[in-house]
Amino acid sequence: GKITPIRFRFRDRDGELITVTIEK
């Protein structure tokens, strides 16, 4: 049941979709 986040995305103020790969 241990959760590990890997990658996420969100919309910035301009509406652009930003994808972030978690490095650490």
PDBML (XML) file of the C-alpha atoms, coordinates in Angstrom:
<?xml version="1.0" encoding="UTF-8" ?>
<PDBx:datablock datablockName="MODEL"
   xmlns:PDBx="http://pdbml.pdb.org/schema/pdbx-v50.xsd"
   xmlns:xsi="http://www.w3.org/2001/XMLSchema-instance"
   xsi:schemaLocation="http://pdbml.pdb.org/schema/pdbx-v50.xsd pdbx-v50.xsd">
   <PDBx:atom_siteCategory>
      <PDBx:atom_site id="1">
         <PDBx:B_iso_or_equiv>0.00</PDBx:B_iso_or_equiv>
         <PDBx:Cartn_x>0.000</PDBx:Cartn_x>
         <PDBx:Cartn_y>0.000</PDBx:Cartn_y>
         <PDBx:Cartn_z>0.000</PDBx:Cartn_z>
         <PDBx:auth_asym_id>A</PDBx:auth_asym_id>
         <PDBx:auth_atom_id>CA</PDBx:auth_atom_id>
         <PDBx:auth_comp_id>GLY</PDBx:auth_comp_id>
         <PDBx:auth_seq_id>1</PDBx:auth_seq_id>
         <PDBx:group_PDB>ATOM</PDBx:group_PDB>
         <PDBx:label_alt_id xsi:nil="true" />
         <PDBx:label_asym_id>A</PDBx:label_asym_id>
         <PDBx:label_atom_id>CA</PDBx:label_atom_id>
         <PDBx:label_comp_id>GLY</PDBx:label_comp_id>
         <PDBx:label_entity_id>1</PDBx:label_entity_id>
         <PDBx:label_seq_id>1</PDBx:label_seq_id>
         <PDBx:occupancy>1.00</PDBx:occupancy>
         <PDBx:pdbx_PDB_model_num>1</PDBx:pdbx_PDB_model_num>
         <PDBx:type_symbol>C</PDBx:type_symbol>
      </PDBx:atom_site>
      <PDBx:atom_site id="2">
         <PDBx:B_iso_or_equiv>0.00</PDBx:B_iso_or_equiv>
         <PDBx:Cartn_x>2.992</PDBx:Cartn_x>
         <PDBx:Cartn_y>2.369</PDBx:Cartn_y>
         <PDBx:Cartn_z>-0.094</PDBx:Cartn_z>
         <PDBx:auth_asym_id>A</PDBx:auth_asym_id>
         <PDBx:auth_atom_id>CA</PDBx:auth_atom_id>
         <PDBx:auth_comp_id>LYS</PDBx:auth_comp_id>
         <PDBx:auth_seq_id>2</PDBx:auth_seq_id>
         <PDBx:group_PDB>ATOM</PDBx:group_PDB>
         <PDBx:label_alt_id xsi:nil="true" />
         <PDBx:label_asym_id>A</PDBx:label_asym_id>
         <PDBx:label_atom_id>CA</PDBx:label_atom_id>
         <PDBx:label_comp_id>LYS</PDBx:label_comp_id>
         <PDBx:label_entity_id>1</PDBx:label_entity_id>
         <PDBx:label_seq_id>2</PDBx:label_seq_id>
         <PDBx:occupancy>1.00</PDBx:occupancy>
         <PDBx:pdbx_PDB_model_num>1</PDBx:pdbx_PDB_model_num>
         <PDBx:type_symbol>C</PDBx:type_symbol>
      </PDBx:atom_site>
      <PDBx:atom_site id="3">
         <PDBx:B_iso_or_equiv>0.00</PDBx:B_iso_or_equiv>
         <PDBx:Cartn_x>2.385</PDBx:Cartn_x>
         <PDBx:Cartn_y>5.126</PDBx:Cartn_y>
         <PDBx:Cartn_z>-2.658</PDBx:Cartn_z>
         <PDBx:auth_asym_id>A</PDBx:auth_asym_id>
         <PDBx:auth_atom_id>CA</PDBx:auth_atom_id>
         <PDBx:auth_comp_id>ILE</PDBx:auth_comp_id>
         <PDBx:auth_seq_id>3</PDBx:auth_seq_id>
         <PDBx:group_PDB>ATOM</PDBx:group_PDB>
         <PDBx:label_alt_id xsi:nil="true" />
         <PDBx:label_asym_id>A</PDBx:label_asym_id>
         <PDBx:label_atom_id>CA</PDBx:label_atom_id>
         <PDBx:label_comp_id>ILE</PDBx:label_comp_id>
         <PDBx:label_entity_id>1</PDBx:label_entity_id>
         <PDBx:label_seq_id>3</PDBx:label_seq_id>
         <PDBx:occupancy>1.00</PDBx:occupancy>
         <PDBx:pdbx_PDB_model_num>1</PDBx:pdbx_PDB_model_num>
         <PDBx:type_symbol>C</PDBx:type_symbol>
      </PDBx:atom_site>
      <PDBx:atom_site id="4">
         <PDBx:B_iso_or_equiv>0.00</PDBx:B_iso_or_equiv>
         <PDBx:Cartn_x>5.237</PDBx:Cartn_x>
         <PDBx:Cartn_y>6.578</PDBx:Cartn_y>
         <PDBx:Cartn_z>-4.727</PDBx:Cartn_z>
         <PDBx:auth_asym_id>A</PDBx:auth_asym_id>
         <PDBx:auth_atom_id>CA</PDBx:auth_atom_id>
         <PDBx:auth_comp_id>THR</PDBx:auth_comp_id>
         <PDBx:auth_seq_id>4</PDBx:auth_seq_id>
         <PDBx:group_PDB>ATOM</PDBx:group_PDB>
         <PDBx:label_alt_id xsi:nil="true" />
         <PDBx:label_asym_id>A</PDBx:label_asym_id>
         <PDBx:label_atom_id>CA</PDBx:label_atom_id>
         <PDBx:label_comp_id>THR</PDBx:label_comp_id>
         <PDBx:label_entity_id>1</PDBx:label_entity_id>
         <PDBx:label_seq_id>4</PDBx:label_seq_id>
         <PDBx:occupancy>1.00</PDBx:occupancy>
         <PDBx:pdbx_PDB_model_num>1</PDBx:pdbx_PDB_model_num>
         <PDBx:type_symbol>C</PDBx:type_symbol>
      </PDBx:atom_site>
      <PDBx:atom_site id="5">
         <PDBx:B_iso_or_equiv>0.00</PDBx:B_iso_or_equiv>
         <PDBx:Cartn_x>4.493</PDBx:Cartn_x>
         <PDBx:Cartn_y>9.605</PDBx:Cartn_y>
         <PDBx:Cartn_z>-6.934</PDBx:Cartn_z>
         <PDBx:auth_asym_id>A</PDBx:auth_asym_id>
         <PDBx:auth_atom_id>CA</PDBx:auth_atom_id>
         <PDBx:auth_comp_id>PRO</PDBx:auth_comp_id>
         <PDBx:auth_seq_id>5</PDBx:auth_seq_id>
         <PDBx:group_PDB>ATOM</PDBx:group_PDB>
         <PDBx:label_alt_id xsi:nil="true" />
         <PDBx:label_asym_id>A</PDBx:label_asym_id>
         <PDBx:label_atom_id>CA</PDBx:label_atom_id>
         <PDBx:label_comp_id>PRO</PDBx:label_comp_id>
         <PDBx:label_entity_id>1</PDBx:label_entity_id>
         <PDBx:label_seq_id>5</PDBx:label_seq_id>
         <PDBx:occupancy>1.00</PDBx:occupancy>
         <PDBx:pdbx_PDB_model_num>1</PDBx:pdbx_PDB_model_num>
         <PDBx:type_symbol>C</PDBx:type_symbol>
      </PDBx:atom_site>
      <PDBx:atom_site id="6">
         <PDBx:B_iso_or_equiv>0.00</PDBx:B_iso_or_equiv>
         <PDBx:Cartn_x>6.274</PDBx:Cartn_x>
         <PDBx:Cartn_y>9.440</PDBx:Cartn_y>
         <PDBx:Cartn_z>-10.311</PDBx:Cartn_z>
         <PDBx:auth_asym_id>A</PDBx:auth_asym_id>
         <PDBx:auth_atom_id>CA</PDBx:auth_atom_id>
         <PDBx:auth_comp_id>ILE</PDBx:auth_comp_id>
         <PDBx:auth_seq_id>6</PDBx:auth_seq_id>
         <PDBx:group_PDB>ATOM</PDBx:group_PDB>
         <PDBx:label_alt_id xsi:nil="true" />
         <PDBx:label_asym_id>A</PDBx:label_asym_id>
         <PDBx:label_atom_id>CA</PDBx:label_atom_id>
         <PDBx:label_comp_id>ILE</PDBx:label_comp_id>
         <PDBx:label_entity_id>1</PDBx:label_entity_id>
         <PDBx:label_seq_id>6</PDBx:label_seq_id>
         <PDBx:occupancy>1.00</PDBx:occupancy>
         <PDBx:pdbx_PDB_model_num>1</PDBx:pdbx_PDB_model_num>
         <PDBx:type_symbol>C</PDBx:type_symbol>
      </PDBx:atom_site>
      <PDBx:atom_site id="7">
         <PDBx:B_iso_or_equiv>0.00</PDBx:B_iso_or_equiv>
         <PDBx:Cartn_x>4.970</PDBx:Cartn_x>
         <PDBx:Cartn_y>12.134</PDBx:Cartn_y>
         <PDBx:Cartn_z>-12.664</PDBx:Cartn_z>
         <PDBx:auth_asym_id>A</PDBx:auth_asym_id>
         <PDBx:auth_atom_id>CA</PDBx:auth_atom_id>
         <PDBx:auth_comp_id>ARG</PDBx:auth_comp_id>
         <PDBx:auth_seq_id>7</PDBx:auth_seq_id>
         <PDBx:group_PDB>ATOM</PDBx:group_PDB>
         <PDBx:label_alt_id xsi:nil="true" />
         <PDBx:label_asym_id>A</PDBx:label_asym_id>
         <PDBx:label_atom_id>CA</PDBx:label_atom_id>
         <PDBx:label_comp_id>ARG</PDBx:label_comp_id>
         <PDBx:label_entity_id>1</PDBx:label_entity_id>
         <PDBx:label_seq_id>7</PDBx:label_seq_id>
         <PDBx:occupancy>1.00</PDBx:occupancy>
         <PDBx:pdbx_PDB_model_num>1</PDBx:pdbx_PDB_model_num>
         <PDBx:type_symbol>C</PDBx:type_symbol>
      </PDBx:atom_site>
      <PDBx:atom_site id="8">
         <PDBx:B_iso_or_equiv>0.00</PDBx:B_iso_or_equiv>
         <PDBx:Cartn_x>2.212</PDBx:Cartn_x>
         <PDBx:Cartn_y>14.738</PDBx:Cartn_y>
         <PDBx:Cartn_z>-12.640</PDBx:Cartn_z>
         <PDBx:auth_asym_id>A</PDBx:auth_asym_id>
         <PDBx:auth_atom_id>CA</PDBx:auth_atom_id>
         <PDBx:auth_comp_id>PHE</PDBx:auth_comp_id>
         <PDBx:auth_seq_id>8</PDBx:auth_seq_id>
         <PDBx:group_PDB>ATOM</PDBx:group_PDB>
         <PDBx:label_alt_id xsi:nil="true" />
         <PDBx:label_asym_id>A</PDBx:label_asym_id>
         <PDBx:label_atom_id>CA</PDBx:label_atom_id>
         <PDBx:label_comp_id>PHE</PDBx:label_comp_id>
         <PDBx:label_entity_id>1</PDBx:label_entity_id>
         <PDBx:label_seq_id>8</PDBx:label_seq_id>
         <PDBx:occupancy>1.00</PDBx:occupancy>
         <PDBx:pdbx_PDB_model_num>1</PDBx:pdbx_PDB_model_num>
         <PDBx:type_symbol>C</PDBx:type_symbol>
      </PDBx:atom_site>
      <PDBx:atom_site id="9">
         <PDBx:B_iso_or_equiv>0.00</PDBx:B_iso_or_equiv>
         <PDBx:Cartn_x>0.757</PDBx:Cartn_x>
         <PDBx:Cartn_y>17.486</PDBx:Cartn_y>
         <PDBx:Cartn_z>-14.761</PDBx:Cartn_z>
         <PDBx:auth_asym_id>A</PDBx:auth_asym_id>
         <PDBx:auth_atom_id>CA</PDBx:auth_atom_id>
         <PDBx:auth_comp_id>ARG</PDBx:auth_comp_id>
         <PDBx:auth_seq_id>9</PDBx:auth_seq_id>
         <PDBx:group_PDB>ATOM</PDBx:group_PDB>
         <PDBx:label_alt_id xsi:nil="true" />
         <PDBx:label_asym_id>A</PDBx:label_asym_id>
         <PDBx:label_atom_id>CA</PDBx:label_atom_id>
         <PDBx:label_comp_id>ARG</PDBx:label_comp_id>
         <PDBx:label_entity_id>1</PDBx:label_entity_id>
         <PDBx:label_seq_id>9</PDBx:label_seq_id>
         <PDBx:occupancy>1.00</PDBx:occupancy>
         <PDBx:pdbx_PDB_model_num>1</PDBx:pdbx_PDB_model_num>
         <PDBx:type_symbol>C</PDBx:type_symbol>
      </PDBx:atom_site>
      <PDBx:atom_site id="10">
         <PDBx:B_iso_or_equiv>0.00</PDBx:B_iso_or_equiv>
         <PDBx:Cartn_x>-1.197</PDBx:Cartn_x>
         <PDBx:Cartn_y>20.655</PDBx:Cartn_y>
         <PDBx:Cartn_z>-14.165</PDBx:Cartn_z>
         <PDBx:auth_asym_id>A</PDBx:auth_asym_id>
         <PDBx:auth_atom_id>CA</PDBx:auth_atom_id>
         <PDBx:auth_comp_id>PHE</PDBx:auth_comp_id>
         <PDBx:auth_seq_id>10</PDBx:auth_seq_id>
         <PDBx:group_PDB>ATOM</PDBx:group_PDB>
         <PDBx:label_alt_id xsi:nil="true" />
         <PDBx:label_asym_id>A</PDBx:label_asym_id>
         <PDBx:label_atom_id>CA</PDBx:label_atom_id>
         <PDBx:label_comp_id>PHE</PDBx:label_comp_id>
         <PDBx:label_entity_id>1</PDBx:label_entity_id>
         <PDBx:label_seq_id>10</PDBx:label_seq_id>
         <PDBx:occupancy>1.00</PDBx:occupancy>
         <PDBx:pdbx_PDB_model_num>1</PDBx:pdbx_PDB_model_num>
         <PDBx:type_symbol>C</PDBx:type_symbol>
      </PDBx:atom_site>
      <PDBx:atom_site id="11">
         <PDBx:B_iso_or_equiv>0.00</PDBx:B_iso_or_equiv>
         <PDBx:Cartn_x>-2.343</PDBx:Cartn_x>
         <PDBx:Cartn_y>23.779</PDBx:Cartn_y>
         <PDBx:Cartn_z>-15.965</PDBx:Cartn_z>
         <PDBx:auth_asym_id>A</PDBx:auth_asym_id>
         <PDBx:auth_atom_id>CA</PDBx:auth_atom_id>
         <PDBx:auth_comp_id>ARG</PDBx:auth_comp_id>
         <PDBx:auth_seq_id>11</PDBx:auth_seq_id>
         <PDBx:group_PDB>ATOM</PDBx:group_PDB>
         <PDBx:label_alt_id xsi:nil="true" />
         <PDBx:label_asym_id>A</PDBx:label_asym_id>
         <PDBx:label_atom_id>CA</PDBx:label_atom_id>
         <PDBx:label_comp_id>ARG</PDBx:label_comp_id>
         <PDBx:label_entity_id>1</PDBx:label_entity_id>
         <PDBx:label_seq_id>11</PDBx:label_seq_id>
         <PDBx:occupancy>1.00</PDBx:occupancy>
         <PDBx:pdbx_PDB_model_num>1</PDBx:pdbx_PDB_model_num>
         <PDBx:type_symbol>C</PDBx:type_symbol>
      </PDBx:atom_site>
      <PDBx:atom_site id="12">
         <PDBx:B_iso_or_equiv>0.00</PDBx:B_iso_or_equiv>
         <PDBx:Cartn_x>-0.370</PDBx:Cartn_x>
         <PDBx:Cartn_y>26.960</PDBx:Cartn_y>
         <PDBx:Cartn_z>-15.310</PDBx:Cartn_z>
         <PDBx:auth_asym_id>A</PDBx:auth_asym_id>
         <PDBx:auth_atom_id>CA</PDBx:auth_atom_id>
         <PDBx:auth_comp_id>ASP</PDBx:auth_comp_id>
         <PDBx:auth_seq_id>12</PDBx:auth_seq_id>
         <PDBx:group_PDB>ATOM</PDBx:group_PDB>
         <PDBx:label_alt_id xsi:nil="true" />
         <PDBx:label_asym_id>A</PDBx:label_asym_id>
         <PDBx:label_atom_id>CA</PDBx:label_atom_id>
         <PDBx:label_comp_id>ASP</PDBx:label_comp_id>
         <PDBx:label_entity_id>1</PDBx:label_entity_id>
         <PDBx:label_seq_id>12</PDBx:label_seq_id>
         <PDBx:occupancy>1.00</PDBx:occupancy>
         <PDBx:pdbx_PDB_model_num>1</PDBx:pdbx_PDB_model_num>
         <PDBx:type_symbol>C</PDBx:type_symbol>
      </PDBx:atom_site>
      <PDBx:atom_site id="13">
         <PDBx:B_iso_or_equiv>0.00</PDBx:B_iso_or_equiv>
         <PDBx:Cartn_x>-1.855</PDBx:Cartn_x>
         <PDBx:Cartn_y>30.475</PDBx:Cartn_y>
         <PDBx:Cartn_z>-15.176</PDBx:Cartn_z>
         <PDBx:auth_asym_id>A</PDBx:auth_asym_id>
         <PDBx:auth_atom_id>CA</PDBx:auth_atom_id>
         <PDBx:auth_comp_id>ARG</PDBx:auth_comp_id>
         <PDBx:auth_seq_id>13</PDBx:auth_seq_id>
         <PDBx:group_PDB>ATOM</PDBx:group_PDB>
         <PDBx:label_alt_id xsi:nil="true" />
         <PDBx:label_asym_id>A</PDBx:label_asym_id>
         <PDBx:label_atom_id>CA</PDBx:label_atom_id>
         <PDBx:label_comp_id>ARG</PDBx:label_comp_id>
         <PDBx:label_entity_id>1</PDBx:label_entity_id>
         <PDBx:label_seq_id>13</PDBx:label_seq_id>
         <PDBx:occupancy>1.00</PDBx:occupancy>
         <PDBx:pdbx_PDB_model_num>1</PDBx:pdbx_PDB_model_num>
         <PDBx:type_symbol>C</PDBx:type_symbol>
      </PDBx:atom_site>
      <PDBx:atom_site id="14">
         <PDBx:B_iso_or_equiv>0.00</PDBx:B_iso_or_equiv>
         <PDBx:Cartn_x>-1.735</PDBx:Cartn_x>
         <PDBx:Cartn_y>30.733</PDBx:Cartn_y>
         <PDBx:Cartn_z>-18.969</PDBx:Cartn_z>
         <PDBx:auth_asym_id>A</PDBx:auth_asym_id>
         <PDBx:auth_atom_id>CA</PDBx:auth_atom_id>
         <PDBx:auth_comp_id>ASP</PDBx:auth_comp_id>
         <PDBx:auth_seq_id>14</PDBx:auth_seq_id>
         <PDBx:group_PDB>ATOM</PDBx:group_PDB>
         <PDBx:label_alt_id xsi:nil="true" />
         <PDBx:label_asym_id>A</PDBx:label_asym_id>
         <PDBx:label_atom_id>CA</PDBx:label_atom_id>
         <PDBx:label_comp_id>ASP</PDBx:label_comp_id>
         <PDBx:label_entity_id>1</PDBx:label_entity_id>
         <PDBx:label_seq_id>14</PDBx:label_seq_id>
         <PDBx:occupancy>1.00</PDBx:occupancy>
         <PDBx:pdbx_PDB_model_num>1</PDBx:pdbx_PDB_model_num>
         <PDBx:type_symbol>C</PDBx:type_symbol>
      </PDBx:atom_site>
      <PDBx:atom_site id="15">
         <PDBx:B_iso_or_equiv>0.00</PDBx:B_iso_or_equiv>
         <PDBx:Cartn_x>-3.632</PDBx:Cartn_x>
         <PDBx:Cartn_y>27.461</PDBx:Cartn_y>
         <PDBx:Cartn_z>-19.355</PDBx:Cartn_z>
         <PDBx:auth_asym_id>A</PDBx:auth_asym_id>
         <PDBx:auth_atom_id>CA</PDBx:auth_atom_id>
         <PDBx:auth_comp_id>GLY</PDBx:auth_comp_id>
         <PDBx:auth_seq_id>15</PDBx:auth_seq_id>
         <PDBx:group_PDB>ATOM</PDBx:group_PDB>
         <PDBx:label_alt_id xsi:nil="true" />
         <PDBx:label_asym_id>A</PDBx:label_asym_id>
         <PDBx:label_atom_id>CA</PDBx:label_atom_id>
         <PDBx:label_comp_id>GLY</PDBx:label_comp_id>
         <PDBx:label_entity_id>1</PDBx:label_entity_id>
         <PDBx:label_seq_id>15</PDBx:label_seq_id>
         <PDBx:occupancy>1.00</PDBx:occupancy>
         <PDBx:pdbx_PDB_model_num>1</PDBx:pdbx_PDB_model_num>
         <PDBx:type_symbol>C</PDBx:type_symbol>
      </PDBx:atom_site>
      <PDBx:atom_site id="16">
         <PDBx:B_iso_or_equiv>0.00</PDBx:B_iso_or_equiv>
         <PDBx:Cartn_x>-0.567</PDBx:Cartn_x>
         <PDBx:Cartn_y>25.589</PDBx:Cartn_y>
         <PDBx:Cartn_z>-20.613</PDBx:Cartn_z>
         <PDBx:auth_asym_id>A</PDBx:auth_asym_id>
         <PDBx:auth_atom_id>CA</PDBx:auth_atom_id>
         <PDBx:auth_comp_id>GLU</PDBx:auth_comp_id>
         <PDBx:auth_seq_id>16</PDBx:auth_seq_id>
         <PDBx:group_PDB>ATOM</PDBx:group_PDB>
         <PDBx:label_alt_id xsi:nil="true" />
         <PDBx:label_asym_id>A</PDBx:label_asym_id>
         <PDBx:label_atom_id>CA</PDBx:label_atom_id>
         <PDBx:label_comp_id>GLU</PDBx:label_comp_id>
         <PDBx:label_entity_id>1</PDBx:label_entity_id>
         <PDBx:label_seq_id>16</PDBx:label_seq_id>
         <PDBx:occupancy>1.00</PDBx:occupancy>
         <PDBx:pdbx_PDB_model_num>1</PDBx:pdbx_PDB_model_num>
         <PDBx:type_symbol>C</PDBx:type_symbol>
      </PDBx:atom_site>
      <PDBx:atom_site id="17">
         <PDBx:B_iso_or_equiv>0.00</PDBx:B_iso_or_equiv>
         <PDBx:Cartn_x>-0.362</PDBx:Cartn_x>
         <PDBx:Cartn_y>21.939</PDBx:Cartn_y>
         <PDBx:Cartn_z>-19.572</PDBx:Cartn_z>
         <PDBx:auth_asym_id>A</PDBx:auth_asym_id>
         <PDBx:auth_atom_id>CA</PDBx:auth_atom_id>
         <PDBx:auth_comp_id>LEU</PDBx:auth_comp_id>
         <PDBx:auth_seq_id>17</PDBx:auth_seq_id>
         <PDBx:group_PDB>ATOM</PDBx:group_PDB>
         <PDBx:label_alt_id xsi:nil="true" />
         <PDBx:label_asym_id>A</PDBx:label_asym_id>
         <PDBx:label_atom_id>CA</PDBx:label_atom_id>
         <PDBx:label_comp_id>LEU</PDBx:label_comp_id>
         <PDBx:label_entity_id>1</PDBx:label_entity_id>
         <PDBx:label_seq_id>17</PDBx:label_seq_id>
         <PDBx:occupancy>1.00</PDBx:occupancy>
         <PDBx:pdbx_PDB_model_num>1</PDBx:pdbx_PDB_model_num>
         <PDBx:type_symbol>C</PDBx:type_symbol>
      </PDBx:atom_site>
      <PDBx:atom_site id="18">
         <PDBx:B_iso_or_equiv>0.00</PDBx:B_iso_or_equiv>
         <PDBx:Cartn_x>2.886</PDBx:Cartn_x>
         <PDBx:Cartn_y>21.418</PDBx:Cartn_y>
         <PDBx:Cartn_z>-17.624</PDBx:Cartn_z>
         <PDBx:auth_asym_id>A</PDBx:auth_asym_id>
         <PDBx:auth_atom_id>CA</PDBx:auth_atom_id>
         <PDBx:auth_comp_id>ILE</PDBx:auth_comp_id>
         <PDBx:auth_seq_id>18</PDBx:auth_seq_id>
         <PDBx:group_PDB>ATOM</PDBx:group_PDB>
         <PDBx:label_alt_id xsi:nil="true" />
         <PDBx:label_asym_id>A</PDBx:label_asym_id>
         <PDBx:label_atom_id>CA</PDBx:label_atom_id>
         <PDBx:label_comp_id>ILE</PDBx:label_comp_id>
         <PDBx:label_entity_id>1</PDBx:label_entity_id>
         <PDBx:label_seq_id>18</PDBx:label_seq_id>
         <PDBx:occupancy>1.00</PDBx:occupancy>
         <PDBx:pdbx_PDB_model_num>1</PDBx:pdbx_PDB_model_num>
         <PDBx:type_symbol>C</PDBx:type_symbol>
      </PDBx:atom_site>
      <PDBx:atom_site id="19">
         <PDBx:B_iso_or_equiv>0.00</PDBx:B_iso_or_equiv>
         <PDBx:Cartn_x>4.250</PDBx:Cartn_x>
         <PDBx:Cartn_y>17.895</PDBx:Cartn_y>
         <PDBx:Cartn_z>-17.115</PDBx:Cartn_z>
         <PDBx:auth_asym_id>A</PDBx:auth_asym_id>
         <PDBx:auth_atom_id>CA</PDBx:auth_atom_id>
         <PDBx:auth_comp_id>THR</PDBx:auth_comp_id>
         <PDBx:auth_seq_id>19</PDBx:auth_seq_id>
         <PDBx:group_PDB>ATOM</PDBx:group_PDB>
         <PDBx:label_alt_id xsi:nil="true" />
         <PDBx:label_asym_id>A</PDBx:label_asym_id>
         <PDBx:label_atom_id>CA</PDBx:label_atom_id>
         <PDBx:label_comp_id>THR</PDBx:label_comp_id>
         <PDBx:label_entity_id>1</PDBx:label_entity_id>
         <PDBx:label_seq_id>19</PDBx:label_seq_id>
         <PDBx:occupancy>1.00</PDBx:occupancy>
         <PDBx:pdbx_PDB_model_num>1</PDBx:pdbx_PDB_model_num>
         <PDBx:type_symbol>C</PDBx:type_symbol>
      </PDBx:atom_site>
      <PDBx:atom_site id="20">
         <PDBx:B_iso_or_equiv>0.00</PDBx:B_iso_or_equiv>
         <PDBx:Cartn_x>6.687</PDBx:Cartn_x>
         <PDBx:Cartn_y>17.316</PDBx:Cartn_y>
         <PDBx:Cartn_z>-14.249</PDBx:Cartn_z>
         <PDBx:auth_asym_id>A</PDBx:auth_asym_id>
         <PDBx:auth_atom_id>CA</PDBx:auth_atom_id>
         <PDBx:auth_comp_id>VAL</PDBx:auth_comp_id>
         <PDBx:auth_seq_id>20</PDBx:auth_seq_id>
         <PDBx:group_PDB>ATOM</PDBx:group_PDB>
         <PDBx:label_alt_id xsi:nil="true" />
         <PDBx:label_asym_id>A</PDBx:label_asym_id>
         <PDBx:label_atom_id>CA</PDBx:label_atom_id>
         <PDBx:label_comp_id>VAL</PDBx:label_comp_id>
         <PDBx:label_entity_id>1</PDBx:label_entity_id>
         <PDBx:label_seq_id>20</PDBx:label_seq_id>
         <PDBx:occupancy>1.00</PDBx:occupancy>
         <PDBx:pdbx_PDB_model_num>1</PDBx:pdbx_PDB_model_num>
         <PDBx:type_symbol>C</PDBx:type_symbol>
      </PDBx:atom_site>
      <PDBx:atom_site id="21">
         <PDBx:B_iso_or_equiv>0.00</PDBx:B_iso_or_equiv>
         <PDBx:Cartn_x>8.736</PDBx:Cartn_x>
         <PDBx:Cartn_y>14.159</PDBx:Cartn_y>
         <PDBx:Cartn_z>-13.722</PDBx:Cartn_z>
         <PDBx:auth_asym_id>A</PDBx:auth_asym_id>
         <PDBx:auth_atom_id>CA</PDBx:auth_atom_id>
         <PDBx:auth_comp_id>THR</PDBx:auth_comp_id>
         <PDBx:auth_seq_id>21</PDBx:auth_seq_id>
         <PDBx:group_PDB>ATOM</PDBx:group_PDB>
         <PDBx:label_alt_id xsi:nil="true" />
         <PDBx:label_asym_id>A</PDBx:label_asym_id>
         <PDBx:label_atom_id>CA</PDBx:label_atom_id>
         <PDBx:label_comp_id>THR</PDBx:label_comp_id>
         <PDBx:label_entity_id>1</PDBx:label_entity_id>
         <PDBx:label_seq_id>21</PDBx:label_seq_id>
         <PDBx:occupancy>1.00</PDBx:occupancy>
         <PDBx:pdbx_PDB_model_num>1</PDBx:pdbx_PDB_model_num>
         <PDBx:type_symbol>C</PDBx:type_symbol>
      </PDBx:atom_site>
      <PDBx:atom_site id="22">
         <PDBx:B_iso_or_equiv>0.00</PDBx:B_iso_or_equiv>
         <PDBx:Cartn_x>9.642</PDBx:Cartn_x>
         <PDBx:Cartn_y>13.808</PDBx:Cartn_y>
         <PDBx:Cartn_z>-10.047</PDBx:Cartn_z>
         <PDBx:auth_asym_id>A</PDBx:auth_asym_id>
         <PDBx:auth_atom_id>CA</PDBx:auth_atom_id>
         <PDBx:auth_comp_id>ILE</PDBx:auth_comp_id>
         <PDBx:auth_seq_id>22</PDBx:auth_seq_id>
         <PDBx:group_PDB>ATOM</PDBx:group_PDB>
         <PDBx:label_alt_id xsi:nil="true" />
         <PDBx:label_asym_id>A</PDBx:label_asym_id>
         <PDBx:label_atom_id>CA</PDBx:label_atom_id>
         <PDBx:label_comp_id>ILE</PDBx:label_comp_id>
         <PDBx:label_entity_id>1</PDBx:label_entity_id>
         <PDBx:label_seq_id>22</PDBx:label_seq_id>
         <PDBx:occupancy>1.00</PDBx:occupancy>
         <PDBx:pdbx_PDB_model_num>1</PDBx:pdbx_PDB_model_num>
         <PDBx:type_symbol>C</PDBx:type_symbol>
      </PDBx:atom_site>
      <PDBx:atom_site id="23">
         <PDBx:B_iso_or_equiv>0.00</PDBx:B_iso_or_equiv>
         <PDBx:Cartn_x>13.390</PDBx:Cartn_x>
         <PDBx:Cartn_y>13.357</PDBx:Cartn_y>
         <PDBx:Cartn_z>-9.736</PDBx:Cartn_z>
         <PDBx:auth_asym_id>A</PDBx:auth_asym_id>
         <PDBx:auth_atom_id>CA</PDBx:auth_atom_id>
         <PDBx:auth_comp_id>GLU</PDBx:auth_comp_id>
         <PDBx:auth_seq_id>23</PDBx:auth_seq_id>
         <PDBx:group_PDB>ATOM</PDBx:group_PDB>
         <PDBx:label_alt_id xsi:nil="true" />
         <PDBx:label_asym_id>A</PDBx:label_asym_id>
         <PDBx:label_atom_id>CA</PDBx:label_atom_id>
         <PDBx:label_comp_id>GLU</PDBx:label_comp_id>
         <PDBx:label_entity_id>1</PDBx:label_entity_id>
         <PDBx:label_seq_id>23</PDBx:label_seq_id>
         <PDBx:occupancy>1.00</PDBx:occupancy>
         <PDBx:pdbx_PDB_model_num>1</PDBx:pdbx_PDB_model_num>
         <PDBx:type_symbol>C</PDBx:type_symbol>
      </PDBx:atom_site>
      <PDBx:atom_site id="24">
         <PDBx:B_iso_or_equiv>0.00</PDBx:B_iso_or_equiv>
         <PDBx:Cartn_x>13.641</PDBx:Cartn_x>
         <PDBx:Cartn_y>12.855</PDBx:Cartn_y>
         <PDBx:Cartn_z>-5.981</PDBx:Cartn_z>
         <PDBx:auth_asym_id>A</PDBx:auth_asym_id>
         <PDBx:auth_atom_id>CA</PDBx:auth_atom_id>
         <PDBx:auth_comp_id>LYS</PDBx:auth_comp_id>
         <PDBx:auth_seq_id>24</PDBx:auth_seq_id>
         <PDBx:group_PDB>ATOM</PDBx:group_PDB>
         <PDBx:label_alt_id xsi:nil="true" />
         <PDBx:label_asym_id>A</PDBx:label_asym_id>
         <PDBx:label_atom_id>CA</PDBx:label_atom_id>
         <PDBx:label_comp_id>LYS</PDBx:label_comp_id>
         <PDBx:label_entity_id>1</PDBx:label_entity_id>
         <PDBx:label_seq_id>24</PDBx:label_seq_id>
         <PDBx:occupancy>1.00</PDBx:occupancy>
         <PDBx:pdbx_PDB_model_num>1</PDBx:pdbx_PDB_model_num>
         <PDBx:type_symbol>C</PDBx:type_symbol>
      </PDBx:atom_site>
   </PDBx:atom_siteCategory>
</PDBx:datablock>
